[in-house]
Every structure is written in structure tokens, then in C-alpha cells.
Amino acid sequence: MHDPSLAHPPIEALFTASEETTMEGAKFLDYKQLKGKRLISLDGTCEHKIEVSSAGMASITVRKDIELVESSGPTYQLSISGLLGGHSGTDINHKRGNAIKILADILKEVEDIEIVNIAGGSKVNVIPSKAKCIFKTKKDISQEIMFYTNIYQDRYPSLKIDFKRIKEKDLTINNEI
């Protein structure tokens, strides 16, 4: 960057840190200070190698007030696990299963459920390998769960889908809000 014998337009260099953990380096950057119109992003996952360009990242926090309401009926837990997971930048093209997406795909096909709790993922830059949902339904959905288990098992042989009835929960998220 400092070699006077090289002909080049002005170079504006930006180095950030903590991009694999908190994105703190880019998070507090005042982008108005940058003058350049072109960008060459250099990244890397191996020593002595540089990748030109890299995965982008957006962190979005959505907050919604929820109301818990009393509900009766059987309570179930659907757990997705056994997937390989991986880094969202370097492993995204390996078609590894995303546990949160699989869980959501199954749940959106099941009618008349009341969600008690849903959780999944461990870090923002990781393909989630496990997720689970606790919910209530008055319907027998064991056949539907088996159907989707077979579909996803063909795609992801290491996948484990565990569906079981658990101790009753009194409160669910109000679907009316």
C-alpha cells in the first residue's frame, strides 16, 4: 500500500476485528468517514490464504410483546438435532440442514398448535444444528411428524427428530396478538 513505484488511485484501507464473534469491529464504524466508491473485501479462514470478498452479515433483532394465556390440552416437545452445523460463511454451500428452518417447516404444516416455547441456534454466524419447540395441540399429529421425519431423514441422514408428550404446561403464547 505504501510502494511509491506502483501506480494506483488513492487507497483507503479499513481493518476490523472480532468479526467471527461479535462483529464489534464493523458495528461501531462510522461509515460516513469512508470516501471510496469501490471495495475489495479480503477475508480468510486459513493462515497464508486470502479470500477476496466474503459472506455478508446482518444482525436483526425483532422484539414483540407477547401475552401468555392459560391453555389446556396435551403438551408436546419437538426437537431437531444431529445435523452437522457449520460456519454460515464457509459451509453455507455444503447444503447442511438448518435445524431452525426444518423445525419451522414442520410446524407451519401442523394446524391448531399453541406455542409454549421455541429455541434454537447458538451463535449468529453458525448454521444451527439443533432446535426445539414446546407446544400444545388437541390433534394427534404423530403421523404428520413421521411423514416429515422421513422426508428430512432422506436429505440429512444424521438428522434426529424427537417428538414426545411432556409434562403439561399451563400457559401458551396468545396467538390473537
Protein backbone atom coordinates (compact mmCIF):
# COMPACT_ATOMS: atom_id res chain seq x y z
CA MET A 1 0.00 0.00 0.00
CA HIS A 2 2.96 2.31 0.53
CA ASP A 3 5.09 1.38 -2.50
CA PRO A 4 5.57 4.67 -4.46
CA SER A 5 6.56 2.76 -7.61
CA LEU A 6 3.05 1.29 -8.04
CA ALA A 7 0.56 3.35 -9.98
CA HIS A 8 -2.88 3.27 -8.37
CA PRO A 9 -5.68 5.56 -7.31
CA PRO A 10 -5.84 6.60 -3.67
CA ILE A 11 -6.23 3.62 -1.34
CA GLU A 12 -8.41 3.74 1.71
CA ALA A 13 -7.76 0.73 3.96
CA LEU A 14 -10.08 -0.42 6.72
CA PHE A 15 -9.25 -3.19 9.15
CA THR A 16 -11.81 -4.54 11.60
CA ALA A 17 -11.62 -7.08 14.39
CA SER A 18 -13.90 -9.56 16.16
CA GLU A 19 -15.88 -10.35 13.02
CA GLU A 20 -16.16 -14.04 13.90
CA THR A 21 -17.58 -13.39 17.35
CA THR A 22 -19.38 -10.10 17.96
CA MET A 23 -18.92 -8.05 14.76
CA GLU A 24 -17.80 -5.28 17.14
CA GLY A 25 -15.18 -4.03 14.66
CA ALA A 26 -17.72 -3.13 12.00
CA LYS A 27 -20.58 -2.47 14.39
CA PHE A 28 -19.26 0.86 15.65
CA LEU A 29 -17.73 2.07 12.40
CA ASP A 30 -18.85 5.49 11.21
CA TYR A 31 -19.39 4.71 7.52
CA LYS A 32 -19.71 8.42 6.72
CA GLN A 33 -15.95 8.70 7.16
CA LEU A 34 -15.30 6.39 4.20
CA LYS A 35 -14.63 8.09 0.86
CA GLY A 36 -14.07 5.15 -1.51
CA LYS A 37 -16.55 4.12 -4.18
CA ARG A 38 -15.17 0.59 -4.70
CA LEU A 39 -14.48 -2.17 -2.23
CA ILE A 40 -12.23 -5.19 -2.22
CA SER A 41 -13.06 -7.27 0.79
CA LEU A 42 -10.26 -9.55 1.97
CA ASP A 43 -11.12 -12.31 4.37
CA GLY A 44 -9.79 -15.70 5.20
CA THR A 45 -10.29 -18.83 7.19
CA CYS A 46 -6.84 -20.35 6.74
CA GLU A 47 -3.44 -18.90 7.51
CA HIS A 48 -1.40 -17.84 4.47
CA LYS A 49 -4.52 -17.64 2.27
CA ILE A 50 -6.69 -14.64 1.47
CA GLU A 51 -10.23 -14.77 0.12
CA VAL A 52 -11.45 -11.89 -1.99
CA SER A 53 -14.96 -10.98 -0.86
CA SER A 54 -16.76 -12.91 1.82
CA ALA A 55 -20.12 -13.72 3.32
CA GLY A 56 -22.18 -10.74 4.33
CA MET A 57 -23.82 -10.48 7.68
CA ALA A 58 -26.85 -8.78 9.05
CA SER A 59 -27.99 -8.97 12.61
CA ILE A 60 -31.64 -8.18 13.12
CA THR A 61 -33.36 -8.08 16.46
CA VAL A 62 -37.12 -8.31 16.42
CA ARG A 63 -38.99 -7.67 19.61
CA LYS A 64 -42.66 -8.30 20.11
CA ASP A 65 -44.57 -8.13 23.32
CA ILE A 66 -46.30 -11.40 23.97
CA GLU A 67 -49.10 -12.28 26.26
CA LEU A 68 -49.25 -15.65 27.93
CA VAL A 69 -52.70 -17.15 28.26
CA GLU A 70 -54.00 -20.22 30.01
CA SER A 71 -54.47 -23.24 27.82
CA SER A 72 -55.41 -26.84 28.32
CA GLY A 73 -54.65 -29.97 26.43
CA PRO A 74 -51.60 -32.15 25.93
CA THR A 75 -48.14 -30.58 25.70
CA TYR A 76 -45.50 -31.86 23.27
CA GLN A 77 -41.86 -31.24 22.54
CA LEU A 78 -40.43 -31.45 19.02
CA SER A 79 -36.62 -31.48 18.92
CA ILE A 80 -34.34 -31.36 15.89
CA SER A 81 -30.71 -32.46 16.37
CA GLY A 82 -27.90 -34.47 14.84
CA LEU A 83 -27.19 -32.05 12.00
CA LEU A 84 -23.64 -31.07 11.09
CA GLY A 85 -24.00 -27.32 11.61
CA GLY A 86 -21.05 -25.25 10.47
CA HIS A 87 -19.93 -21.72 9.71
CA SER A 88 -22.50 -19.65 7.86
CA GLY A 89 -19.85 -18.23 5.53
CA THR A 90 -17.67 -21.19 4.67
CA ASP A 91 -20.14 -24.07 4.95
CA ILE A 92 -23.28 -22.50 3.50
CA ASN A 93 -22.74 -24.14 0.11
CA HIS A 94 -22.47 -27.64 1.58
CA LYS A 95 -26.27 -27.94 1.89
CA ARG A 96 -26.17 -28.77 5.57
CA GLY A 97 -29.51 -28.82 7.29
CA ASN A 98 -30.60 -25.80 9.32
CA ALA A 99 -32.38 -27.07 12.44
CA ILE A 100 -34.41 -23.88 12.91
CA LYS A 101 -35.62 -23.94 9.32
CA ILE A 102 -36.55 -27.65 9.49
CA LEU A 103 -38.41 -27.09 12.77
CA ALA A 104 -40.29 -24.10 11.29
CA ASP A 105 -41.11 -26.04 8.10
CA ILE A 106 -42.65 -28.86 10.12
CA LEU A 107 -44.56 -26.58 12.49
CA LYS A 108 -46.07 -24.46 9.72
CA GLU A 109 -47.70 -27.59 8.27
CA VAL A 110 -49.30 -28.56 11.58
CA GLU A 111 -52.66 -26.90 12.24
CA ASP A 112 -54.05 -25.79 15.57
CA ILE A 113 -50.92 -25.57 17.68
CA GLU A 114 -50.25 -23.20 20.55
CA ILE A 115 -46.57 -22.45 21.12
CA VAL A 116 -45.26 -22.52 24.68
CA ASN A 117 -41.57 -22.02 23.90
CA ILE A 118 -39.26 -22.19 20.89
CA ALA A 119 -35.45 -22.04 20.84
CA GLY A 120 -32.57 -22.83 18.51
CA GLY A 121 -29.14 -21.85 17.36
CA SER A 122 -26.10 -20.90 19.39
CA LYS A 123 -24.34 -18.07 17.54
CA VAL A 124 -25.27 -15.64 14.77
CA ASN A 125 -22.66 -16.97 12.32
CA VAL A 126 -23.35 -20.69 12.77
CA ILE A 127 -25.71 -22.94 10.84
CA PRO A 128 -27.87 -24.25 13.70
CA SER A 129 -27.55 -27.97 14.34
CA LYS A 130 -30.36 -28.20 16.88
CA ALA A 131 -33.65 -26.52 17.79
CA LYS A 132 -36.75 -27.37 19.77
CA CYS A 133 -40.31 -26.25 20.30
CA ILE A 134 -42.72 -26.95 23.13
CA PHE A 135 -46.34 -26.61 22.07
CA LYS A 136 -49.88 -27.73 22.70
CA THR A 137 -52.32 -29.27 20.30
CA LYS A 138 -55.50 -31.24 20.70
CA LYS A 139 -54.93 -33.10 17.42
CA ASP A 140 -52.98 -36.32 17.06
CA ILE A 141 -50.09 -35.17 14.88
CA SER A 142 -47.82 -38.19 15.23
CA GLN A 143 -48.48 -39.25 11.61
CA GLU A 144 -47.60 -35.77 10.32
CA ILE A 145 -44.38 -35.75 12.36
CA MET A 146 -43.47 -39.20 10.98
CA PHE A 147 -44.14 -38.01 7.41
CA TYR A 148 -41.79 -35.02 7.76
CA THR A 149 -39.21 -37.08 9.61
CA ASN A 150 -38.98 -39.41 6.61
CA ILE A 151 -38.68 -36.53 4.15
CA TYR A 152 -35.89 -34.79 6.04
CA GLN A 153 -34.14 -38.04 7.02
CA ASP A 154 -33.60 -38.76 3.32
CA ARG A 155 -31.93 -35.35 2.87
CA TYR A 156 -29.90 -35.38 6.10
CA PRO A 157 -29.05 -38.93 7.24
CA SER A 158 -27.61 -37.80 10.60
CA LEU A 159 -30.81 -35.92 11.47
CA LYS A 160 -32.65 -36.85 14.65
CA ILE A 161 -36.25 -35.75 15.18
CA ASP A 162 -37.62 -36.44 18.63
CA PHE A 163 -41.33 -35.93 19.24
CA LYS A 164 -42.79 -36.69 22.64
CA ARG A 165 -45.52 -35.76 25.05
CA ILE A 166 -44.18 -33.94 28.10
CA LYS A 167 -45.48 -32.65 31.43
CA GLU A 168 -48.42 -30.31 30.94
CA LYS A 169 -47.73 -26.58 30.64
CA ASP A 170 -50.49 -24.18 31.67
CA LEU A 171 -49.52 -21.12 29.62
CA THR A 172 -49.07 -20.62 25.88
CA ILE A 173 -48.35 -17.59 23.72
CA ASN A 174 -51.53 -15.75 22.78
CA ASN A 175 -51.98 -16.21 19.02
CA GLU A 176 -54.54 -13.40 18.85
CA ILE A 177 -51.95 -10.62 19.27
